[in-house]
Amino acid sequence: MVASGLGITVMPCSAVTAKHHNKRLTVLEFMKPVPERRIALAWRKGFTRPAVIPVIQDAVRALKIPGLSMLPS
């Protein structure tokens, strides 16, 4: 609907890449204060594959996304 001119959407900046460029779409940045979100990694106490947790943490820390900041662990 957005590309057809019938709507608007809010997307994270990580989704606005050259791969998704379309001349029918216009990207506008938010004015301050810019909305933000917090994403967390959680697992059950009895999780059977605990070795994957640090692997996922390292993968997320390695992301190069504008505006991404990590909270201290």
C-alpha atoms as a PDB file:
ATOM      1  CA  MET A   1       0.000   0.000   0.000  1.00  0.00           C
ATOM      2  CA  VAL A   2       2.853   2.378   0.764  1.00  0.00           C
ATOM      3  CA  ALA A   3       4.474   1.948  -2.650  1.00  0.00           C
ATOM      4  CA  SER A   4       1.046   2.477  -4.241  1.00  0.00           C
ATOM      5  CA  GLY A   5       0.683   5.839  -2.491  1.00  0.00           C
ATOM      6  CA  LEU A   6      -2.094   4.602  -0.211  1.00  0.00           C
ATOM      7  CA  GLY A   7      -0.357   4.571   3.143  1.00  0.00           C
ATOM      8  CA  ILE A   8       2.616   5.244   5.370  1.00  0.00           C
ATOM      9  CA  THR A   9       4.752   3.008   7.549  1.00  0.00           C
ATOM     10  CA  VAL A  10       7.411   3.218  10.227  1.00  0.00           C
ATOM     11  CA  MET A  11      10.486   1.075   9.671  1.00  0.00           C
ATOM     12  CA  PRO A  12      13.791   0.731  11.522  1.00  0.00           C
ATOM     13  CA  CYS A  13      16.695   2.404   9.751  1.00  0.00           C
ATOM     14  CA  SER A  14      18.279  -1.030   9.286  1.00  0.00           C
ATOM     15  CA  ALA A  15      15.432  -1.878   6.882  1.00  0.00           C
ATOM     16  CA  VAL A  16      16.015   1.174   4.694  1.00  0.00           C
ATOM     17  CA  THR A  17      18.806  -0.134   2.494  1.00  0.00           C
ATOM     18  CA  ALA A  18      19.744   0.235  -1.156  1.00  0.00           C
ATOM     19  CA  LYS A  19      18.308  -3.231  -1.739  1.00  0.00           C
ATOM     20  CA  HIS A  20      14.852  -1.891  -0.928  1.00  0.00           C
ATOM     21  CA  HIS A  21      15.204   1.429  -2.779  1.00  0.00           C
ATOM     22  CA  ASN A  22      12.135   2.363  -4.774  1.00  0.00           C
ATOM     23  CA  LYS A  23      11.593   5.680  -6.547  1.00  0.00           C
ATOM     24  CA  ARG A  24       7.940   5.654  -5.424  1.00  0.00           C
ATOM     25  CA  LEU A  25       8.986   5.715  -1.762  1.00  0.00           C
ATOM     26  CA  THR A  26      10.312   8.648   0.241  1.00  0.00           C
ATOM     27  CA  VAL A  27      12.264   8.144   3.443  1.00  0.00           C
ATOM     28  CA  LEU A  28      11.798  10.781   6.144  1.00  0.00           C
ATOM     29  CA  GLU A  29      13.753  10.738   9.375  1.00  0.00           C
ATOM     30  CA  PHE A  30      12.056  11.428  12.686  1.00  0.00           C
ATOM     31  CA  MET A  31      12.487  14.767  14.381  1.00  0.00           C
ATOM     32  CA  LYS A  32      13.832  14.729  17.930  1.00  0.00           C
ATOM     33  CA  PRO A  33      12.968  13.051  20.180  1.00  0.00           C
ATOM     34  CA  VAL A  34      13.495  10.041  17.931  1.00  0.00           C
ATOM     35  CA  PRO A  35      11.491   6.949  18.944  1.00  0.00           C
ATOM     36  CA  GLU A  36      13.563   4.071  20.210  1.00  0.00           C
ATOM     37  CA  ARG A  37      13.105   0.465  21.204  1.00  0.00           C
ATOM     38  CA  ARG A  38      14.877  -2.008  23.408  1.00  0.00           C
ATOM     39  CA  ILE A  39      15.373  -5.603  22.303  1.00  0.00           C
ATOM     40  CA  ALA A  40      16.448  -8.271  24.763  1.00  0.00           C
ATOM     41  CA  LEU A  41      17.720 -11.823  24.585  1.00  0.00           C
ATOM     42  CA  ALA A  42      16.067 -14.145  27.103  1.00  0.00           C
ATOM     43  CA  TRP A  43      16.088 -17.888  27.660  1.00  0.00           C
ATOM     44  CA  ARG A  44      14.609 -20.420  30.064  1.00  0.00           C
ATOM     45  CA  LYS A  45      16.566 -21.600  33.076  1.00  0.00           C
ATOM     46  CA  GLY A  46      16.599 -25.177  31.715  1.00  0.00           C
ATOM     47  CA  PHE A  47      17.557 -24.209  28.139  1.00  0.00           C
ATOM     48  CA  THR A  48      19.320 -27.257  26.687  1.00  0.00           C
ATOM     49  CA  ARG A  49      21.763 -25.420  24.406  1.00  0.00           C
ATOM     50  CA  PRO A  50      23.380 -22.741  26.604  1.00  0.00           C
ATOM     51  CA  ALA A  51      26.502 -22.627  24.402  1.00  0.00           C
ATOM     52  CA  VAL A  52      24.536 -20.803  21.686  1.00  0.00           C
ATOM     53  CA  ILE A  53      23.733 -17.819  23.935  1.00  0.00           C
ATOM     54  CA  PRO A  54      27.210 -16.223  23.741  1.00  0.00           C
ATOM     55  CA  VAL A  55      27.303 -16.936  20.001  1.00  0.00           C
ATOM     56  CA  ILE A  56      24.050 -15.016  19.506  1.00  0.00           C
ATOM     57  CA  GLN A  57      25.276 -12.221  21.803  1.00  0.00           C
ATOM     58  CA  ASP A  58      28.503 -11.898  19.795  1.00  0.00           C
ATOM     59  CA  ALA A  59      26.572 -11.870  16.505  1.00  0.00           C
ATOM     60  CA  VAL A  60      24.327  -9.056  17.717  1.00  0.00           C
ATOM     61  CA  ARG A  61      27.292  -7.077  19.076  1.00  0.00           C
ATOM     62  CA  ALA A  62      29.003  -7.402  15.662  1.00  0.00           C
ATOM     63  CA  LEU A  63      26.092  -5.759  13.820  1.00  0.00           C
ATOM     64  CA  LYS A  64      26.920  -2.451  12.182  1.00  0.00           C
ATOM     65  CA  ILE A  65      23.509  -0.783  12.232  1.00  0.00           C
ATOM     66  CA  PRO A  66      23.282   3.017  12.424  1.00  0.00           C
ATOM     67  CA  GLY A  67      21.859   4.107  15.750  1.00  0.00           C
ATOM     68  CA  LEU A  68      22.374   0.707  17.396  1.00  0.00           C
ATOM     69  CA  SER A  69      23.829   0.875  20.872  1.00  0.00           C
ATOM     70  CA  MET A  70      24.369  -1.937  23.331  1.00  0.00           C
ATOM     71  CA  LEU A  71      23.506  -1.726  26.998  1.00  0.00           C
ATOM     72  CA  PRO A  72      26.174  -2.901  29.398  1.00  0.00           C
ATOM     73  CA  SER A  73      25.745  -6.574  30.262  1.00  0.00           C
END
